[in-house]
Amino acid sequence: MASFKDSEKDLLMRTDDNVIVPFAGHPGANVRTAAPGFAYGLQPDATPFIAELAATIHATLDNCQPHARAAAAKASLRGYLCEGQLLATAHRQGDAHSYRRHLLYADPSGQFSILAIVWRPGQHTPIHGHTAWGVVGVYEGKPYCEVFDTQTHDQPAINLDPLMKLRLKAGDLTTVQPGIDDVHRIGNDSLSRCITIHIYGRDLLASPRSINIIFNS
């Protein structure tokens, strides 16, 4: 049986090059959307609710073990998904060509980052896993999450098998774990805009392309 090491050539350790990543200094950023002034802490146009959420997450992570961080961040986010003024107008804007990430907060200690992702109808991620723990909450719309199986007889499979497709709604929350055992694809097959809030246990200001493990399609 092939081991994971033998199968590494079948995985692409990269993020989606077509995603608009408006983080200053990132060589893959779209020039039109890469705004100056990004620094650690609260990002330009982020609301006081994001500042409050970030402070809550920071305090929570300081008091929990590493294995419990995703669950702790999920609990912190829950109450904010129903806050109508959580996001500024600038952070609700999508892109005609691909889903769009908005960095909202970059923890100065590098423990976590908060993003909003805007999905226009028909947009979706590639199939991917993550390099760190994460939380995804639905803020607006009805996106889907498709889950894939990467295991065959305890060995990583080269061909991904779809397991289920979940229909999500505003207020729904889930966590993701690092590695290739939690592989999924998120998208918007509805007729309306979707917005999701993401918290990842990684410094995405310094390395915005580091969070995803993207599989060959």
C-alpha atoms as a PDB file:
ATOM      1  CA  MET A   1       0.000   0.000   0.000  1.00  0.00           C
ATOM      2  CA  ALA A   2       1.195   3.515  -0.719  1.00  0.00           C
ATOM      3  CA  SER A   3       2.182   5.553   2.302  1.00  0.00           C
ATOM      4  CA  PHE A   4       1.423   9.247   2.746  1.00  0.00           C
ATOM      5  CA  LYS A   5       5.013  10.073   1.868  1.00  0.00           C
ATOM      6  CA  ASP A   6       4.663   8.122  -1.382  1.00  0.00           C
ATOM      7  CA  SER A   7       1.474  10.004  -2.184  1.00  0.00           C
ATOM      8  CA  GLU A   8       2.769  13.514  -1.491  1.00  0.00           C
ATOM      9  CA  LYS A   9       3.180  14.153  -5.215  1.00  0.00           C
ATOM     10  CA  ASP A  10      -0.597  13.819  -5.538  1.00  0.00           C
ATOM     11  CA  LEU A  11      -1.240  16.700  -3.126  1.00  0.00           C
ATOM     12  CA  LEU A  12      -0.647  20.366  -3.852  1.00  0.00           C
ATOM     13  CA  MET A  13       0.538  22.261  -0.777  1.00  0.00           C
ATOM     14  CA  ARG A  14      -0.815  25.601  -1.894  1.00  0.00           C
ATOM     15  CA  THR A  15      -3.835  27.834  -1.600  1.00  0.00           C
ATOM     16  CA  ASP A  16      -6.161  28.718  -4.432  1.00  0.00           C
ATOM     17  CA  ASP A  17      -4.295  31.085  -6.746  1.00  0.00           C
ATOM     18  CA  ASN A  18      -7.589  32.447  -8.064  1.00  0.00           C
ATOM     19  CA  VAL A  19      -8.785  33.719  -4.708  1.00  0.00           C
ATOM     20  CA  ILE A  20      -8.666  37.473  -4.200  1.00  0.00           C
ATOM     21  CA  VAL A  21      -6.397  37.927  -1.168  1.00  0.00           C
ATOM     22  CA  PRO A  22      -6.368  41.608  -0.166  1.00  0.00           C
ATOM     23  CA  PHE A  23      -3.431  41.380   2.237  1.00  0.00           C
ATOM     24  CA  ALA A  24      -0.723  43.949   1.691  1.00  0.00           C
ATOM     25  CA  GLY A  25       2.712  42.575   0.906  1.00  0.00           C
ATOM     26  CA  HIS A  26       1.462  39.206  -0.310  1.00  0.00           C
ATOM     27  CA  PRO A  27       2.946  38.520  -3.771  1.00  0.00           C
ATOM     28  CA  GLY A  28      -0.245  36.807  -4.904  1.00  0.00           C
ATOM     29  CA  ALA A  29      -2.512  39.660  -3.835  1.00  0.00           C
ATOM     30  CA  ASN A  30      -4.670  41.309  -6.439  1.00  0.00           C
ATOM     31  CA  VAL A  31      -3.188  44.788  -6.979  1.00  0.00           C
ATOM     32  CA  ARG A  32      -6.620  46.378  -7.207  1.00  0.00           C
ATOM     33  CA  THR A  33      -7.661  45.157  -3.772  1.00  0.00           C
ATOM     34  CA  ALA A  34      -4.371  45.100  -1.860  1.00  0.00           C
ATOM     35  CA  ALA A  35      -4.850  48.060   0.459  1.00  0.00           C
ATOM     36  CA  PRO A  36      -2.046  49.779   2.397  1.00  0.00           C
ATOM     37  CA  GLY A  37      -2.038  49.969   6.162  1.00  0.00           C
ATOM     38  CA  PHE A  38      -2.384  46.322   7.126  1.00  0.00           C
ATOM     39  CA  ALA A  39      -0.694  45.641  10.443  1.00  0.00           C
ATOM     40  CA  TYR A  40      -1.258  43.367  13.394  1.00  0.00           C
ATOM     41  CA  GLY A  41      -4.399  43.930  15.376  1.00  0.00           C
ATOM     42  CA  LEU A  42      -7.738  45.217  14.145  1.00  0.00           C
ATOM     43  CA  GLN A  43      -7.731  45.747  10.379  1.00  0.00           C
ATOM     44  CA  PRO A  44      -8.973  48.852   8.510  1.00  0.00           C
ATOM     45  CA  ASP A  45     -12.791  49.204   8.547  1.00  0.00           C
ATOM     46  CA  ALA A  46     -13.248  46.369  11.059  1.00  0.00           C
ATOM     47  CA  THR A  47     -16.043  47.134  13.512  1.00  0.00           C
ATOM     48  CA  PRO A  48     -15.936  47.381  17.329  1.00  0.00           C
ATOM     49  CA  PHE A  49     -17.743  44.028  17.410  1.00  0.00           C
ATOM     50  CA  ILE A  50     -14.747  42.403  15.699  1.00  0.00           C
ATOM     51  CA  ALA A  51     -12.455  44.036  18.267  1.00  0.00           C
ATOM     52  CA  GLU A  52     -14.649  42.630  21.045  1.00  0.00           C
ATOM     53  CA  LEU A  53     -14.700  39.177  19.442  1.00  0.00           C
ATOM     54  CA  ALA A  54     -10.917  39.199  19.072  1.00  0.00           C
ATOM     55  CA  ALA A  55     -10.437  40.158  22.722  1.00  0.00           C
ATOM     56  CA  THR A  56     -12.795  37.362  23.788  1.00  0.00           C
ATOM     57  CA  ILE A  57     -10.966  34.787  21.676  1.00  0.00           C
ATOM     58  CA  HIS A  58      -7.576  35.944  22.944  1.00  0.00           C
ATOM     59  CA  ALA A  59      -8.647  35.623  26.574  1.00  0.00           C
ATOM     60  CA  THR A  60     -10.213  32.237  25.881  1.00  0.00           C
ATOM     61  CA  LEU A  61      -7.157  30.798  24.116  1.00  0.00           C
ATOM     62  CA  ASP A  62      -4.883  31.961  26.913  1.00  0.00           C
ATOM     63  CA  ASN A  63      -6.808  29.705  29.288  1.00  0.00           C
ATOM     64  CA  CYS A  64      -7.212  26.466  27.349  1.00  0.00           C
ATOM     65  CA  GLN A  65      -5.050  23.603  26.162  1.00  0.00           C
ATOM     66  CA  PRO A  66      -3.998  23.476  22.492  1.00  0.00           C
ATOM     67  CA  HIS A  67      -6.326  20.572  21.672  1.00  0.00           C
ATOM     68  CA  ALA A  68      -9.326  22.592  22.931  1.00  0.00           C
ATOM     69  CA  ARG A  69      -8.672  25.821  21.034  1.00  0.00           C
ATOM     70  CA  ALA A  70     -11.019  25.176  18.115  1.00  0.00           C
ATOM     71  CA  ALA A  71     -13.917  24.396  20.451  1.00  0.00           C
ATOM     72  CA  ALA A  72     -13.133  27.430  22.593  1.00  0.00           C
ATOM     73  CA  ALA A  73     -13.013  29.765  19.582  1.00  0.00           C
ATOM     74  CA  LYS A  74     -16.274  28.267  18.295  1.00  0.00           C
ATOM     75  CA  ALA A  75     -17.985  29.080  21.597  1.00  0.00           C
ATOM     76  CA  SER A  76     -16.614  32.618  21.439  1.00  0.00           C
ATOM     77  CA  LEU A  77     -17.941  33.218  17.921  1.00  0.00           C
ATOM     78  CA  ARG A  78     -21.440  31.837  18.475  1.00  0.00           C
ATOM     79  CA  GLY A  79     -23.059  34.951  19.902  1.00  0.00           C
ATOM     80  CA  TYR A  80     -21.657  37.271  17.250  1.00  0.00           C
ATOM     81  CA  LEU A  81     -23.152  35.570  14.191  1.00  0.00           C
ATOM     82  CA  CYS A  82     -26.535  37.177  14.863  1.00  0.00           C
ATOM     83  CA  GLU A  83     -25.082  40.677  15.277  1.00  0.00           C
ATOM     84  CA  GLY A  84     -26.303  42.709  12.294  1.00  0.00           C
ATOM     85  CA  GLN A  85     -23.467  45.247  12.568  1.00  0.00           C
ATOM     86  CA  LEU A  86     -20.648  42.717  12.911  1.00  0.00           C
ATOM     87  CA  LEU A  87     -19.215  43.545   9.482  1.00  0.00           C
ATOM     88  CA  ALA A  88     -18.599  46.894   7.843  1.00  0.00           C
ATOM     89  CA  THR A  89     -19.954  47.464   4.347  1.00  0.00           C
ATOM     90  CA  ALA A  90     -16.426  47.122   2.945  1.00  0.00           C
ATOM     91  CA  HIS A  91     -16.180  43.618   4.354  1.00  0.00           C
ATOM     92  CA  ARG A  92     -19.433  42.482   2.731  1.00  0.00           C
ATOM     93  CA  GLN A  93     -18.152  43.061  -0.793  1.00  0.00           C
ATOM     94  CA  GLY A  94     -17.552  40.101  -3.087  1.00  0.00           C
ATOM     95  CA  ASP A  95     -15.685  39.702  -6.351  1.00  0.00           C
ATOM     96  CA  ALA A  96     -17.104  38.731  -9.717  1.00  0.00           C
ATOM     97  CA  HIS A  97     -14.349  36.207 -10.451  1.00  0.00           C
ATOM     98  CA  SER A  98     -13.885  34.300  -7.195  1.00  0.00           C
ATOM     99  CA  TYR A  99     -14.857  34.232  -3.552  1.00  0.00           C
ATOM    100  CA  ARG A 100     -13.179  37.002  -1.610  1.00  0.00           C
ATOM    101  CA  ARG A 101     -11.340  36.950   1.714  1.00  0.00           C
ATOM    102  CA  HIS A 102     -11.319  39.974   4.026  1.00  0.00           C
ATOM    103  CA  LEU A 103      -8.804  39.954   6.872  1.00  0.00           C
ATOM    104  CA  LEU A 104     -10.529  41.418   9.946  1.00  0.00           C
ATOM    105  CA  TYR A 105      -8.047  40.812  12.745  1.00  0.00           C
ATOM    106  CA  ALA A 106      -4.495  39.493  13.007  1.00  0.00           C
ATOM    107  CA  ASP A 107      -3.458  38.603  16.530  1.00  0.00           C
ATOM    108  CA  PRO A 108      -0.142  40.332  17.379  1.00  0.00           C
ATOM    109  CA  SER A 109       1.121  37.166  19.069  1.00  0.00           C
ATOM    110  CA  GLY A 110       0.340  35.119  15.950  1.00  0.00           C
ATOM    111  CA  GLN A 111      -2.116  32.819  17.748  1.00  0.00           C
ATOM    112  CA  PHE A 112      -5.067  33.370  15.410  1.00  0.00           C
ATOM    113  CA  SER A 113      -6.591  35.376  12.565  1.00  0.00           C
ATOM    114  CA  ILE A 114     -10.212  36.324  11.839  1.00  0.00           C
ATOM    115  CA  LEU A 115     -11.516  36.508   8.259  1.00  0.00           C
ATOM    116  CA  ALA A 116     -14.790  37.175   6.501  1.00  0.00           C
ATOM    117  CA  ILE A 117     -15.289  35.372   3.197  1.00  0.00           C
ATOM    118  CA  VAL A 118     -17.875  36.596   0.705  1.00  0.00           C
ATOM    119  CA  TRP A 119     -19.336  34.131  -1.787  1.00  0.00           C
ATOM    120  CA  ARG A 120     -21.289  35.185  -4.822  1.00  0.00           C
ATOM    121  CA  PRO A 121     -23.608  32.608  -6.422  1.00  0.00           C
ATOM    122  CA  GLY A 122     -21.690  29.763  -8.066  1.00  0.00           C
ATOM    123  CA  GLN A 123     -18.400  30.335  -6.231  1.00  0.00           C
ATOM    124  CA  HIS A 124     -16.666  27.600  -4.220  1.00  0.00           C
ATOM    125  CA  THR A 125     -13.302  26.578  -2.824  1.00  0.00           C
ATOM    126  CA  PRO A 126     -11.175  23.785  -4.204  1.00  0.00           C
ATOM    127  CA  ILE A 127     -11.154  20.586  -2.157  1.00  0.00           C
ATOM    128  CA  HIS A 128      -8.863  21.278   0.761  1.00  0.00           C
ATOM    129  CA  GLY A 129      -7.747  20.583   4.294  1.00  0.00           C
ATOM    130  CA  HIS A 130      -6.057  22.940   6.729  1.00  0.00           C
ATOM    131  CA  THR A 131      -2.662  23.363   8.338  1.00  0.00           C
ATOM    132  CA  ALA A 132      -4.125  24.606  11.634  1.00  0.00           C
ATOM    133  CA  TRP A 133      -7.302  24.409  13.701  1.00  0.00           C
ATOM    134  CA  GLY A 134     -10.182  26.553  12.585  1.00  0.00           C
ATOM    135  CA  VAL A 135     -13.791  27.632  13.094  1.00  0.00           C
ATOM    136  CA  VAL A 136     -16.308  28.485  10.377  1.00  0.00           C
ATOM    137  CA  GLY A 137     -19.560  30.308  11.120  1.00  0.00           C
ATOM    138  CA  VAL A 138     -22.283  31.279   8.666  1.00  0.00           C
ATOM    139  CA  TYR A 139     -23.166  34.968   8.897  1.00  0.00           C
ATOM    140  CA  GLU A 140     -25.418  35.337   5.853  1.00  0.00           C
ATOM    141  CA  GLY A 141     -27.008  33.058   3.282  1.00  0.00           C
ATOM    142  CA  LYS A 142     -27.137  29.292   2.807  1.00  0.00           C
ATOM    143  CA  PRO A 143     -23.726  27.953   1.720  1.00  0.00           C
ATOM    144  CA  TYR A 144     -22.902  24.267   1.529  1.00  0.00           C
ATOM    145  CA  CYS A 145     -20.044  22.196   2.867  1.00  0.00           C
ATOM    146  CA  GLU A 146     -19.103  19.020   1.002  1.00  0.00           C
ATOM    147  CA  VAL A 147     -17.069  16.515   3.004  1.00  0.00           C
ATOM    148  CA  PHE A 148     -14.603  14.069   1.407  1.00  0.00           C
ATOM    149  CA  ASP A 149     -12.995  10.812   2.497  1.00  0.00           C
ATOM    150  CA  THR A 150      -9.216  10.573   2.054  1.00  0.00           C
ATOM    151  CA  GLN A 151      -8.725   7.193   3.736  1.00  0.00           C
ATOM    152  CA  THR A 152      -8.716   3.734   2.163  1.00  0.00           C
ATOM    153  CA  HIS A 153      -7.684   0.849   4.424  1.00  0.00           C
ATOM    154  CA  ASP A 154      -5.912   3.303   6.727  1.00  0.00           C
ATOM    155  CA  GLN A 155      -3.919   4.764   3.851  1.00  0.00           C
ATOM    156  CA  PRO A 156      -4.440   8.160   2.204  1.00  0.00           C
ATOM    157  CA  ALA A 157      -6.440   7.797  -0.983  1.00  0.00           C
ATOM    158  CA  ILE A 158      -5.323   9.491  -4.172  1.00  0.00           C
ATOM    159  CA  ASN A 159      -8.913   9.721  -5.393  1.00  0.00           C
ATOM    160  CA  LEU A 160     -11.190  11.613  -3.015  1.00  0.00           C
ATOM    161  CA  ASP A 161     -14.576  10.094  -2.235  1.00  0.00           C
ATOM    162  CA  PRO A 162     -17.450  12.491  -1.430  1.00  0.00           C
ATOM    163  CA  LEU A 163     -19.150  11.506   1.826  1.00  0.00           C
ATOM    164  CA  MET A 164     -21.890  14.081   2.284  1.00  0.00           C
ATOM    165  CA  LYS A 165     -23.059  17.557   1.328  1.00  0.00           C
ATOM    166  CA  LEU A 166     -24.338  19.684   4.190  1.00  0.00           C
ATOM    167  CA  ARG A 167     -26.678  22.633   3.690  1.00  0.00           C
ATOM    168  CA  LEU A 168     -25.780  25.407   6.126  1.00  0.00           C
ATOM    169  CA  LYS A 169     -27.681  28.471   7.289  1.00  0.00           C
ATOM    170  CA  ALA A 170     -26.989  31.671   9.208  1.00  0.00           C
ATOM    171  CA  GLY A 171     -25.870  30.882  12.741  1.00  0.00           C
ATOM    172  CA  ASP A 172     -24.436  27.454  11.937  1.00  0.00           C
ATOM    173  CA  LEU A 173     -20.936  26.737  13.246  1.00  0.00           C
ATOM    174  CA  THR A 174     -18.356  24.043  12.687  1.00  0.00           C
ATOM    175  CA  THR A 175     -14.720  23.406  13.508  1.00  0.00           C
ATOM    176  CA  VAL A 176     -11.872  22.097  11.363  1.00  0.00           C
ATOM    177  CA  GLN A 177      -8.746  20.251  12.428  1.00  0.00           C
ATOM    178  CA  PRO A 178      -5.298  20.303  10.803  1.00  0.00           C
ATOM    179  CA  GLY A 179      -4.282  17.555   8.404  1.00  0.00           C
ATOM    180  CA  ILE A 180      -5.908  15.541   5.648  1.00  0.00           C
ATOM    181  CA  ASP A 181      -8.531  13.785   7.769  1.00  0.00           C
ATOM    182  CA  ASP A 182     -10.852  16.812   7.619  1.00  0.00           C
ATOM    183  CA  VAL A 183     -11.070  17.512   3.876  1.00  0.00           C
ATOM    184  CA  HIS A 184     -13.930  19.572   2.517  1.00  0.00           C
ATOM    185  CA  ARG A 185     -15.159  22.110  -0.006  1.00  0.00           C
ATOM    186  CA  ILE A 186     -17.316  25.157   0.793  1.00  0.00           C
ATOM    187  CA  GLY A 187     -19.399  26.935  -1.795  1.00  0.00           C
ATOM    188  CA  ASN A 188     -22.516  28.872  -2.700  1.00  0.00           C
ATOM    189  CA  ASP A 189     -24.967  27.174  -5.031  1.00  0.00           C
ATOM    190  CA  SER A 190     -27.818  29.476  -4.038  1.00  0.00           C
ATOM    191  CA  LEU A 191     -29.022  32.588  -5.868  1.00  0.00           C
ATOM    192  CA  SER A 192     -27.983  34.978  -3.093  1.00  0.00           C
ATOM    193  CA  ARG A 193     -24.757  36.176  -1.509  1.00  0.00           C
ATOM    194  CA  CYS A 194     -23.275  34.163   1.351  1.00  0.00           C
ATOM    195  CA  ILE A 195     -20.868  35.416   4.011  1.00  0.00           C
ATOM    196  CA  THR A 196     -18.921  33.209   6.401  1.00  0.00           C
ATOM    197  CA  ILE A 197     -16.687  34.120   9.344  1.00  0.00           C
ATOM    198  CA  HIS A 198     -13.481  32.119   9.782  1.00  0.00           C
ATOM    199  CA  ILE A 199     -11.093  31.927  12.721  1.00  0.00           C
ATOM    200  CA  TYR A 200      -7.822  30.090  12.118  1.00  0.00           C
ATOM    201  CA  GLY A 201      -5.006  29.264  14.510  1.00  0.00           C
ATOM    202  CA  ARG A 202      -2.372  30.734  12.231  1.00  0.00           C
ATOM    203  CA  ASP A 203      -0.798  34.105  11.460  1.00  0.00           C
ATOM    204  CA  LEU A 204      -2.423  34.962   8.121  1.00  0.00           C
ATOM    205  CA  LEU A 205      -1.017  38.475   7.975  1.00  0.00           C
ATOM    206  CA  ALA A 206       2.549  37.181   7.767  1.00  0.00           C
ATOM    207  CA  SER A 207       1.634  34.140   5.652  1.00  0.00           C
ATOM    208  CA  PRO A 208      -1.857  34.460   4.127  1.00  0.00           C
ATOM    209  CA  ARG A 209      -1.454  31.461   1.821  1.00  0.00           C
ATOM    210  CA  SER A 210      -0.365  29.045   4.553  1.00  0.00           C
ATOM    211  CA  ILE A 211      -3.694  27.844   5.913  1.00  0.00           C
ATOM    212  CA  ASN A 212      -4.909  25.487   3.160  1.00  0.00           C
ATOM    213  CA  ILE A 213      -3.759  22.099   1.861  1.00  0.00           C
ATOM    214  CA  ILE A 214      -5.295  21.955  -1.597  1.00  0.00           C
ATOM    215  CA  PHE A 215      -5.857  18.673  -3.399  1.00  0.00           C
ATOM    216  CA  ASN A 216      -5.576  18.087  -7.117  1.00  0.00           C
ATOM    217  CA  SER A 217      -9.020  18.129  -8.650  1.00  0.00           C
END
